[in-house]
PDB file of N, CA and C in Angstrom:
ATOM      1  N   UNK A   1     145.736 169.071-125.175  1.00  0.00           N
ATOM      2  CA  UNK A   1     145.437 170.435-124.779  1.00  0.00           C
ATOM      3  C   UNK A   1     146.745 171.118-124.381  1.00  0.00           C
ATOM      4  N   UNK A   2     146.937 172.366-124.819  1.00  0.00           N
ATOM      5  CA  UNK A   2     148.137 173.114-124.493  1.00  0.00           C
ATOM      6  C   UNK A   2     148.127 173.525-123.029  1.00  0.00           C
ATOM      7  N   UNK A   3     149.341 173.598-122.470  1.00  0.00           N
ATOM      8  CA  UNK A   3     149.465 174.046-121.092  1.00  0.00           C
ATOM      9  C   UNK A   3     149.187 175.544-121.027  1.00  0.00           C
ATOM     10  N   UNK A   4     148.600 176.017-119.942  1.00  0.00           N
ATOM     11  CA  UNK A   4     148.334 177.451-119.827  1.00  0.00           C
ATOM     12  C   UNK A   4     149.637 178.231-119.692  1.00  0.00           C
ATOM     13  N   UNK A   5     149.667 179.429-120.285  1.00  0.00           N
ATOM     14  CA  UNK A   5     150.840 180.290-120.175  1.00  0.00           C
ATOM     15  C   UNK A   5     150.869 180.893-118.775  1.00  0.00           C
ATOM     16  N   UNK A   6     152.063 180.938-118.184  1.00  0.00           N
ATOM     17  CA  UNK A   6     152.244 181.585-116.890  1.00  0.00           C
ATOM     18  C   UNK A   6     153.293 182.666-117.055  1.00  0.00           C
ATOM     19  N   UNK A   7     153.540 183.429-116.000  1.00  0.00           N
ATOM     20  CA  UNK A   7     154.536 184.497-116.086  1.00  0.00           C
ATOM     21  C   UNK A   7     155.941 183.939-116.287  1.00  0.00           C
ATOM     22  N   UNK A   8     156.168 182.666-115.947  1.00  0.00           N
ATOM     23  CA  UNK A   8     157.492 182.065-116.137  1.00  0.00           C
ATOM     24  C   UNK A   8     157.593 181.268-117.432  1.00  0.00           C
ATOM     25  N   UNK A   9     156.488 181.118-118.174  1.00  0.00           N
ATOM     26  CA  UNK A   9     156.498 180.376-119.427  1.00  0.00           C
ATOM     27  C   UNK A   9     156.944 181.300-120.550  1.00  0.00           C
ATOM     28  N   UNK A  10     158.024 180.943-121.278  1.00  0.00           N
ATOM     29  CA  UNK A  10     158.449 181.801-122.382  1.00  0.00           C
ATOM     30  C   UNK A  10     157.422 181.763-123.512  1.00  0.00           C
ATOM     31  N   UNK A  11     157.410 182.793-124.379  1.00  0.00           N
ATOM     32  CA  UNK A  11     156.432 182.844-125.464  1.00  0.00           C
ATOM     33  C   UNK A  11     156.770 181.911-126.624  1.00  0.00           C
ATOM     34  N   UNK A  12     157.823 181.131-126.488  1.00  0.00           N
ATOM     35  CA  UNK A  12     158.239 180.230-127.556  1.00  0.00           C
ATOM     36  C   UNK A  12     158.197 178.789-127.087  1.00  0.00           C
ATOM     37  N   UNK A  13     158.095 177.874-128.042  1.00  0.00           N
ATOM     38  CA  UNK A  13     158.168 176.451-127.742  1.00  0.00           C
ATOM     39  C   UNK A  13     159.606 175.972-127.854  1.00  0.00           C
ATOM     40  N   UNK A  14     160.319 176.470-128.871  1.00  0.00           N
ATOM     41  CA  UNK A  14     161.724 176.100-129.072  1.00  0.00           C
ATOM     42  C   UNK A  14     162.492 177.359-129.439  1.00  0.00           C
ATOM     43  N   UNK A  15     163.640 177.573-128.797  1.00  0.00           N
ATOM     44  CA  UNK A  15     164.509 178.703-129.106  1.00  0.00           C
ATOM     45  C   UNK A  15     165.920 178.159-129.278  1.00  0.00           C
ATOM     46  N   UNK A  16     166.486 178.297-130.461  1.00  0.00           N
ATOM     47  CA  UNK A  16     167.824 177.779-130.764  1.00  0.00           C
ATOM     48  C   UNK A  16     168.727 178.965-131.063  1.00  0.00           C
ATOM     49  N   UNK A  17     169.914 179.000-130.423  1.00  0.00           N
ATOM     50  CA  UNK A  17     170.847 180.109-130.589  1.00  0.00           C
ATOM     51  C   UNK A  17     172.240 179.591-130.912  1.00  0.00           C
ATOM     52  N   UNK A  18     172.796 180.023-132.049  1.00  0.00           N
ATOM     53  CA  UNK A  18     174.172 179.729-132.462  1.00  0.00           C
ATOM     54  C   UNK A  18     174.509 178.250-132.375  1.00  0.00           C
ATOM     55  N   UNK A  19     173.638 177.424-132.873  1.00  0.00           N
ATOM     56  CA  UNK A  19     173.802 175.977-132.785  1.00  0.00           C
ATOM     57  C   UNK A  19     174.673 175.461-133.924  1.00  0.00           C
ATOM     58  N   UNK A  20     175.593 174.566-133.605  1.00  0.00           N
ATOM     59  CA  UNK A  20     176.387 173.852-134.599  1.00  0.00           C
ATOM     60  C   UNK A  20     176.077 172.378-134.437  1.00  0.00           C
ATOM     61  N   UNK A  21     175.727 171.715-135.528  1.00  0.00           N
ATOM     62  CA  UNK A  21     175.367 170.303-135.509  1.00  0.00           C
ATOM     63  C   UNK A  21     176.311 169.557-136.430  1.00  0.00           C
ATOM     64  N   UNK A  22     176.800 168.404-135.979  1.00  0.00           N
ATOM     65  CA  UNK A  22     177.670 167.587-136.812  1.00  0.00           C
ATOM     66  C   UNK A  22     178.027 166.291-136.124  1.00  0.00           C
ATOM     67  N   UNK A  23     178.861 165.516-136.799  1.00  0.00           N
ATOM     68  CA  UNK A  23     179.343 164.240-136.270  1.00  0.00           C
ATOM     69  C   UNK A  23     180.851 164.205-136.423  1.00  0.00           C
ATOM     70  N   UNK A  24     181.571 163.864-135.345  1.00  0.00           N
ATOM     71  CA  UNK A  24     183.026 163.831-135.422  1.00  0.00           C
ATOM     72  C   UNK A  24     183.550 165.184-135.869  1.00  0.00           C
ATOM     73  N   UNK A  25     184.385 165.192-136.912  1.00  0.00           N
ATOM     74  CA  UNK A  25     184.929 166.452-137.416  1.00  0.00           C
ATOM     75  C   UNK A  25     184.051 167.073-138.501  1.00  0.00           C
ATOM     76  N   UNK A  26     182.987 166.383-138.899  1.00  0.00           N
ATOM     77  CA  UNK A  26     182.112 166.882-139.971  1.00  0.00           C
ATOM     78  C   UNK A  26     181.049 167.811-139.390  1.00  0.00           C
ATOM     79  N   UNK A  27     181.065 169.056-139.833  1.00  0.00           N
ATOM     80  CA  UNK A  27     180.074 170.042-139.415  1.00  0.00           C
ATOM     81  C   UNK A  27     178.972 170.085-140.464  1.00  0.00           C
ATOM     82  N   UNK A  28     177.738 169.865-140.043  1.00  0.00           N
ATOM     83  CA  UNK A  28     176.599 169.881-140.962  1.00  0.00           C
ATOM     84  C   UNK A  28     175.922 171.246-141.021  1.00  0.00           C
ATOM     85  N   UNK A  29     175.814 171.910-139.883  1.00  0.00           N
ATOM     86  CA  UNK A  29     175.179 173.231-139.792  1.00  0.00           C
ATOM     87  C   UNK A  29     175.945 174.046-138.771  1.00  0.00           C
ATOM     88  N   UNK A  30     176.089 175.338-139.054  1.00  0.00           N
ATOM     89  CA  UNK A  30     176.797 176.226-138.146  1.00  0.00           C
ATOM     90  C   UNK A  30     175.987 177.487-137.911  1.00  0.00           C
ATOM     91  N   UNK A  31     176.068 178.004-136.690  1.00  0.00           N
ATOM     92  CA  UNK A  31     175.439 179.278-136.325  1.00  0.00           C
ATOM     93  C   UNK A  31     173.940 179.293-136.642  1.00  0.00           C
ATOM     94  N   UNK A  32     173.286 178.203-136.337  1.00  0.00           N
ATOM     95  CA  UNK A  32     171.854 178.072-136.612  1.00  0.00           C
ATOM     96  C   UNK A  32     171.063 178.781-135.519  1.00  0.00           C
ATOM     97  N   UNK A  33     170.159 179.668-135.924  1.00  0.00           N
ATOM     98  CA  UNK A  33     169.315 180.415-134.996  1.00  0.00           C
ATOM     99  C   UNK A  33     167.876 180.366-135.484  1.00  0.00           C
ATOM    100  N   UNK A  34     166.970 179.954-134.623  1.00  0.00           N
ATOM    101  CA  UNK A  34     165.550 180.048-134.955  1.00  0.00           C
ATOM    102  C   UNK A  34     164.717 179.913-133.695  1.00  0.00           C
ATOM    103  N   UNK A  35     163.497 180.430-133.792  1.00  0.00           N
ATOM    104  CA  UNK A  35     162.536 180.347-132.699  1.00  0.00           C
ATOM    105  C   UNK A  35     161.225 179.828-133.264  1.00  0.00           C
ATOM    106  N   UNK A  36     160.630 178.888-132.570  1.00  0.00           N
ATOM    107  CA  UNK A  36     159.293 178.405-132.908  1.00  0.00           C
ATOM    108  C   UNK A  36     158.387 178.849-131.770  1.00  0.00           C
ATOM    109  N   UNK A  37     157.438 179.699-132.089  1.00  0.00           N
ATOM    110  CA  UNK A  37     156.530 180.220-131.068  1.00  0.00           C
ATOM    111  C   UNK A  37     155.490 179.181-130.686  1.00  0.00           C
ATOM    112  N   UNK A  38     154.938 179.331-129.498  1.00  0.00           N
ATOM    113  CA  UNK A  38     153.864 178.441-129.047  1.00  0.00           C
ATOM    114  C   UNK A  38     152.727 178.459-130.060  1.00  0.00           C
ATOM    115  N   UNK A  39     152.244 177.282-130.428  1.00  0.00           N
ATOM    116  CA  UNK A  39     151.128 177.164-131.350  1.00  0.00           C
ATOM    117  C   UNK A  39     151.509 177.143-132.819  1.00  0.00           C
ATOM    118  N   UNK A  40     152.776 177.393-133.158  1.00  0.00           N
ATOM    119  CA  UNK A  40     153.207 177.378-134.553  1.00  0.00           C
ATOM    120  C   UNK A  40     153.536 175.967-135.009  1.00  0.00           C
ATOM    121  N   UNK A  41     153.424 175.748-136.307  1.00  0.00           N
ATOM    122  CA  UNK A  41     153.851 174.495-136.928  1.00  0.00           C
ATOM    123  C   UNK A  41     155.168 174.777-137.624  1.00  0.00           C
ATOM    124  N   UNK A  42     156.173 173.964-137.365  1.00  0.00           N
ATOM    125  CA  UNK A  42     157.521 174.153-137.891  1.00  0.00           C
ATOM    126  C   UNK A  42     157.828 173.011-138.845  1.00  0.00           C
ATOM    127  N   UNK A  43     158.264 173.330-140.056  1.00  0.00           N
ATOM    128  CA  UNK A  43     158.539 172.328-141.081  1.00  0.00           C
ATOM    129  C   UNK A  43     160.001 172.409-141.473  1.00  0.00           C
ATOM    130  N   UNK A  44     160.650 171.249-141.598  1.00  0.00           N
ATOM    131  CA  UNK A  44     162.037 171.176-142.058  1.00  0.00           C
ATOM    132  C   UNK A  44     162.027 170.475-143.408  1.00  0.00           C
ATOM    133  N   UNK A  45     162.476 171.179-144.444  1.00  0.00           N
ATOM    134  CA  UNK A  45     162.528 170.628-145.796  1.00  0.00           C
ATOM    135  C   UNK A  45     163.958 170.686-146.308  1.00  0.00           C
ATOM    136  N   UNK A  46     164.340 169.719-147.126  1.00  0.00           N
ATOM    137  CA  UNK A  46     165.665 169.744-147.738  1.00  0.00           C
ATOM    138  C   UNK A  46     165.949 168.449-148.455  1.00  0.00           C
ATOM    139  N   UNK A  47     167.011 168.467-149.230  1.00  0.00           N
ATOM    140  CA  UNK A  47     167.405 167.300-150.012  1.00  0.00           C
ATOM    141  C   UNK A  47     168.045 166.220-149.159  1.00  0.00           C
ATOM    142  N   UNK A  48     168.365 165.105-149.815  1.00  0.00           N
ATOM    143  CA  UNK A  48     169.009 163.986-149.134  1.00  0.00           C
ATOM    144  C   UNK A  48     170.356 164.422-148.561  1.00  0.00           C
ATOM    145  N   UNK A  49     170.612 164.072-147.298  1.00  0.00           N
ATOM    146  CA  UNK A  49     171.914 164.310-146.687  1.00  0.00           C
ATOM    147  C   UNK A  49     172.203 165.731-146.272  1.00  0.00           C
ATOM    148  N   UNK A  50     171.198 166.602-146.220  1.00  0.00           N
ATOM    149  CA  UNK A  50     171.472 168.001-145.871  1.00  0.00           C
ATOM    150  C   UNK A  50     171.446 168.255-144.365  1.00  0.00           C
ATOM    151  N   UNK A  51     171.042 167.255-143.554  1.00  0.00           N
ATOM    152  CA  UNK A  51     171.091 167.407-142.107  1.00  0.00           C
ATOM    153  C   UNK A  51     169.748 167.525-141.408  1.00  0.00           C
ATOM    154  N   UNK A  52     168.657 167.233-142.103  1.00  0.00           N
ATOM    155  CA  UNK A  52     167.324 167.321-141.476  1.00  0.00           C
ATOM    156  C   UNK A  52     167.220 166.394-140.265  1.00  0.00           C
ATOM    157  N   UNK A  53     167.599 165.150-140.446  1.00  0.00           N
ATOM    158  CA  UNK A  53     167.506 164.176-139.346  1.00  0.00           C
ATOM    159  C   UNK A  53     168.467 164.519-138.225  1.00  0.00           C
ATOM    160  N   UNK A  54     169.649 165.007-138.566  1.00  0.00           N
ATOM    161  CA  UNK A  54     170.619 165.392-137.534  1.00  0.00           C
ATOM    162  C   UNK A  54     170.091 166.547-136.697  1.00  0.00           C
ATOM    163  N   UNK A  55     169.435 167.499-137.341  1.00  0.00           N
ATOM    164  CA  UNK A  55     168.836 168.604-136.598  1.00  0.00           C
ATOM    165  C   UNK A  55     167.760 168.084-135.655  1.00  0.00           C
ATOM    166  N   UNK A  56     166.905 167.196-136.151  1.00  0.00           N
ATOM    167  CA  UNK A  56     165.854 166.636-135.299  1.00  0.00           C
ATOM    168  C   UNK A  56     166.430 165.825-134.149  1.00  0.00           C
ATOM    169  N   UNK A  57     167.476 165.048-134.420  1.00  0.00           N
ATOM    170  CA  UNK A  57     168.111 164.290-133.337  1.00  0.00           C
ATOM    171  C   UNK A  57     168.628 165.234-132.268  1.00  0.00           C
ATOM    172  N   UNK A  58     169.194 166.366-132.695  1.00  0.00           N
ATOM    173  CA  UNK A  58     169.687 167.325-131.719  1.00  0.00           C
ATOM    174  C   UNK A  58     168.542 167.910-130.905  1.00  0.00           C
ATOM    175  N   UNK A  59     167.472 168.281-131.569  1.00  0.00           N
ATOM    176  CA  UNK A  59     166.359 168.914-130.859  1.00  0.00           C
ATOM    177  C   UNK A  59     165.611 167.948-129.952  1.00  0.00           C
ATOM    178  N   UNK A  60     165.456 166.701-130.397  1.00  0.00           N
ATOM    179  CA  UNK A  60     164.653 165.745-129.634  1.00  0.00           C
ATOM    180  C   UNK A  60     165.480 164.824-128.749  1.00  0.00           C
ATOM    181  N   UNK A  61     166.694 164.535-129.134  1.00  0.00           N
ATOM    182  CA  UNK A  61     167.486 163.566-128.383  1.00  0.00           C
ATOM    183  C   UNK A  61     168.815 164.116-127.898  1.00  0.00           C
ATOM    184  N   UNK A  62     169.204 165.306-128.338  1.00  0.00           N
ATOM    185  CA  UNK A  62     170.465 165.945-127.945  1.00  0.00           C
ATOM    186  C   UNK A  62     171.670 165.063-128.235  1.00  0.00           C
ATOM    187  N   UNK A  63     171.674 164.341-129.366  1.00  0.00           N
ATOM    188  CA  UNK A  63     172.795 163.466-129.713  1.00  0.00           C
ATOM    189  C   UNK A  63     173.847 164.150-130.579  1.00  0.00           C
ATOM    190  N   UNK A  64     173.424 164.994-131.507  1.00  0.00           N
ATOM    191  CA  UNK A  64     174.354 165.539-132.487  1.00  0.00           C
ATOM    192  C   UNK A  64     174.830 166.947-132.140  1.00  0.00           C
ATOM    193  N   UNK A  65     174.478 167.447-130.982  1.00  0.00           N
ATOM    194  CA  UNK A  65     174.807 168.819-130.612  1.00  0.00           C
ATOM    195  C   UNK A  65     176.301 168.975-130.365  1.00  0.00           C
ATOM    196  N   UNK A  66     176.886 170.004-130.959  1.00  0.00           N
ATOM    197  CA  UNK A  66     178.302 170.288-130.771  1.00  0.00           C
ATOM    198  C   UNK A  66     178.504 171.586-130.005  1.00  0.00           C
ATOM    199  N   UNK A  67     177.859 172.643-130.450  1.00  0.00           N
ATOM    200  CA  UNK A  67     178.015 173.948-129.815  1.00  0.00           C
ATOM    201  C   UNK A  67     176.685 174.672-129.830  1.00  0.00           C
ATOM    202  N   UNK A  68     176.575 175.689-128.989  1.00  0.00           N
ATOM    203  CA  UNK A  68     175.367 176.503-128.985  1.00  0.00           C
ATOM    204  C   UNK A  68     174.386 176.041-127.930  1.00  0.00           C
ATOM    205  N   UNK A  69     173.235 176.666-127.931  1.00  0.00           N
ATOM    206  CA  UNK A  69     172.216 176.376-126.926  1.00  0.00           C
ATOM    207  C   UNK A  69     170.885 176.153-127.613  1.00  0.00           C
ATOM    208  N   UNK A  70     170.108 175.268-127.054  1.00  0.00           N
ATOM    209  CA  UNK A  70     168.718 175.145-127.492  1.00  0.00           C
ATOM    210  C   UNK A  70     167.859 175.052-126.243  1.00  0.00           C
ATOM    211  N   UNK A  71     166.808 175.817-126.217  1.00  0.00           N
ATOM    212  CA  UNK A  71     165.912 175.844-125.076  1.00  0.00           C
ATOM    213  C   UNK A  71     164.558 175.342-125.531  1.00  0.00           C
ATOM    214  N   UNK A  72     163.980 174.470-124.763  1.00  0.00           N
ATOM    215  CA  UNK A  72     162.683 173.922-125.120  1.00  0.00           C
ATOM    216  C   UNK A  72     161.742 174.027-123.928  1.00  0.00           C
ATOM    217  N   UNK A  73     160.573 174.505-124.173  1.00  0.00           N
ATOM    218  CA  UNK A  73     159.520 174.521-123.170  1.00  0.00           C
ATOM    219  C   UNK A  73     158.294 173.957-123.875  1.00  0.00           C
ATOM    220  N   UNK A  74     158.301 172.660-124.023  1.00  0.00           N
ATOM    221  CA  UNK A  74     157.320 172.012-124.878  1.00  0.00           C
ATOM    222  C   UNK A  74     156.505 171.020-124.063  1.00  0.00           C
ATOM    223  N   UNK A  75     155.197 171.137-124.146  1.00  0.00           N
ATOM    224  CA  UNK A  75     154.318 170.177-123.494  1.00  0.00           C
ATOM    225  C   UNK A  75     154.177 168.943-124.368  1.00  0.00           C
ATOM    226  N   UNK A  76     153.965 169.154-125.673  1.00  0.00           N
ATOM    227  CA  UNK A  76     153.749 168.026-126.568  1.00  0.00           C
ATOM    228  C   UNK A  76     154.373 168.347-127.918  1.00  0.00           C
ATOM    229  N   UNK A  77     155.318 167.528-128.353  1.00  0.00           N
ATOM    230  CA  UNK A  77     155.906 167.640-129.681  1.00  0.00           C
ATOM    231  C   UNK A  77     155.565 166.386-130.442  1.00  0.00           C
ATOM    232  N   UNK A  78     155.323 166.525-131.723  1.00  0.00           N
ATOM    233  CA  UNK A  78     155.078 165.346-132.543  1.00  0.00           C
ATOM    234  C   UNK A  78     155.691 165.559-133.912  1.00  0.00           C
ATOM    235  N   UNK A  79     156.011 164.465-134.565  1.00  0.00           N
ATOM    236  CA  UNK A  79     156.590 164.498-135.898  1.00  0.00           C
ATOM    237  C   UNK A  79     155.578 163.978-136.895  1.00  0.00           C
ATOM    238  N   UNK A  80     155.564 164.571-138.053  1.00  0.00           N
ATOM    239  CA  UNK A  80     154.738 164.083-139.160  1.00  0.00           C
ATOM    240  C   UNK A  80     155.648 163.892-140.357  1.00  0.00           C
ATOM    241  N   UNK A  81     155.436 162.849-141.115  1.00  0.00           N
ATOM    242  CA  UNK A  81     156.265 162.560-142.273  1.00  0.00           C
ATOM    243  C   UNK A  81     155.397 162.324-143.496  1.00  0.00           C
ATOM    244  N   UNK A  82     155.943 162.685-144.659  1.00  0.00           N
ATOM    245  CA  UNK A  82     155.367 162.275-145.930  1.00  0.00           C
ATOM    246  C   UNK A  82     156.285 161.178-146.442  1.00  0.00           C
ATOM    247  N   UNK A  83     155.779 159.978-146.689  1.00  0.00           N
ATOM    248  CA  UNK A  83     156.638 158.887-147.152  1.00  0.00           C
ATOM    249  C   UNK A  83     157.417 159.288-148.398  1.00  0.00           C
ATOM    250  N   UNK A  84     158.649 158.769-148.506  1.00  0.00           N
ATOM    251  CA  UNK A  84     159.506 159.087-149.630  1.00  0.00           C
ATOM    252  C   UNK A  84     158.801 158.786-150.946  1.00  0.00           C
ATOM    253  N   UNK A  85     158.925 159.678-151.892  1.00  0.00           N
ATOM    254  CA  UNK A  85     158.313 159.475-153.189  1.00  0.00           C
ATOM    255  C   UNK A  85     156.888 159.968-153.280  1.00  0.00           C
ATOM    256  N   UNK A  86     156.349 160.462-152.183  1.00  0.00           N
ATOM    257  CA  UNK A  86     154.977 160.984-152.177  1.00  0.00           C
ATOM    258  C   UNK A  86     155.060 162.507-152.126  1.00  0.00           C
ATOM    259  N   UNK A  87     154.524 163.162-153.111  1.00  0.00           N
ATOM    260  CA  UNK A  87     154.580 164.615-153.164  1.00  0.00           C
ATOM    261  C   UNK A  87     153.179 165.177-153.344  1.00  0.00           C
ATOM    262  N   UNK A  88     153.032 166.432-153.030  1.00  0.00           N
ATOM    263  CA  UNK A  88     151.762 167.089-153.274  1.00  0.00           C
ATOM    264  C   UNK A  88     150.944 167.246-152.023  1.00  0.00           C
ATOM    265  N   UNK A  89     149.767 167.724-152.217  1.00  0.00           N
ATOM    266  CA  UNK A  89     148.864 167.979-151.102  1.00  0.00           C
ATOM    267  C   UNK A  89     148.008 166.758-150.830  1.00  0.00           C
ATOM    268  N   UNK A  90     147.749 166.491-149.560  1.00  0.00           N
ATOM    269  CA  UNK A  90     146.889 165.345-149.257  1.00  0.00           C
ATOM    270  C   UNK A  90     145.456 165.598-149.709  1.00  0.00           C
ATOM    271  N   UNK A  91     144.802 164.568-150.119  1.00  0.00           N
ATOM    272  CA  UNK A  91     143.387 164.624-150.481  1.00  0.00           C
ATOM    273  C   UNK A  91     142.601 164.011-149.327  1.00  0.00           C
ATOM    274  N   UNK A  92     141.563 164.663-148.905  1.00  0.00           N
ATOM    275  CA  UNK A  92     140.766 164.138-147.802  1.00  0.00           C
ATOM    276  C   UNK A  92     139.540 163.419-148.336  1.00  0.00           C
ATOM    277  N   UNK A  93     139.363 162.191-147.890  1.00  0.00           N
ATOM    278  CA  UNK A  93     138.197 161.382-148.224  1.00  0.00           C
ATOM    279  C   UNK A  93     137.588 160.909-146.916  1.00  0.00           C
ATOM    280  N   UNK A  94     136.519 161.512-146.507  1.00  0.00           N
ATOM    281  CA  UNK A  94     135.915 161.134-145.229  1.00  0.00           C
ATOM    282  C   UNK A  94     136.832 161.497-144.082  1.00  0.00           C
ATOM    283  N   UNK A  95     137.186 160.501-143.275  1.00  0.00           N
ATOM    284  CA  UNK A  95     138.042 160.730-142.118  1.00  0.00           C
ATOM    285  C   UNK A  95     139.500 160.428-142.410  1.00  0.00           C
ATOM    286  N   UNK A  96     139.865 160.122-143.657  1.00  0.00           N
ATOM    287  CA  UNK A  96     141.212 159.684-143.982  1.00  0.00           C
ATOM    288  C   UNK A  96     141.847 160.635-144.986  1.00  0.00           C
ATOM    289  N   UNK A  97     143.120 160.971-144.784  1.00  0.00           N
ATOM    290  CA  UNK A  97     143.870 161.794-145.739  1.00  0.00           C
ATOM    291  C   UNK A  97     144.703 160.874-146.612  1.00  0.00           C
ATOM    292  N   UNK A  98     144.666 161.087-147.914  1.00  0.00           N
ATOM    293  CA  UNK A  98     145.427 160.293-148.876  1.00  0.00           C
ATOM    294  C   UNK A  98     146.331 161.217-149.673  1.00  0.00           C
ATOM    295  N   UNK A  99     147.539 160.735-149.989  1.00  0.00           N
ATOM    296  CA  UNK A  99     148.466 161.516-150.807  1.00  0.00           C
ATOM    297  C   UNK A  99     148.425 161.030-152.230  1.00  0.00           C
TER     298      UNK A  99
END
């Protein structure tokens, strides 16, 4: 269940401003800005090695952060994955989703 909004609760779940993500001298992303509002589903898509995991590590573990700010006011975050090599829309059979 989502936490109730209060006057001090921002209208967003995640707010990222001018974020740079990388390792050592290698910069993967620069000047990244985005906001995920409360109740929204946020999806990160991209090819191999483009920085999806590094972005998630920064947002969830604060390991790859170099510059910028990220603000989180999140009660519950979860990750969902589609196994490699599985594409398309899931098919629902009873209580189970199949790809």
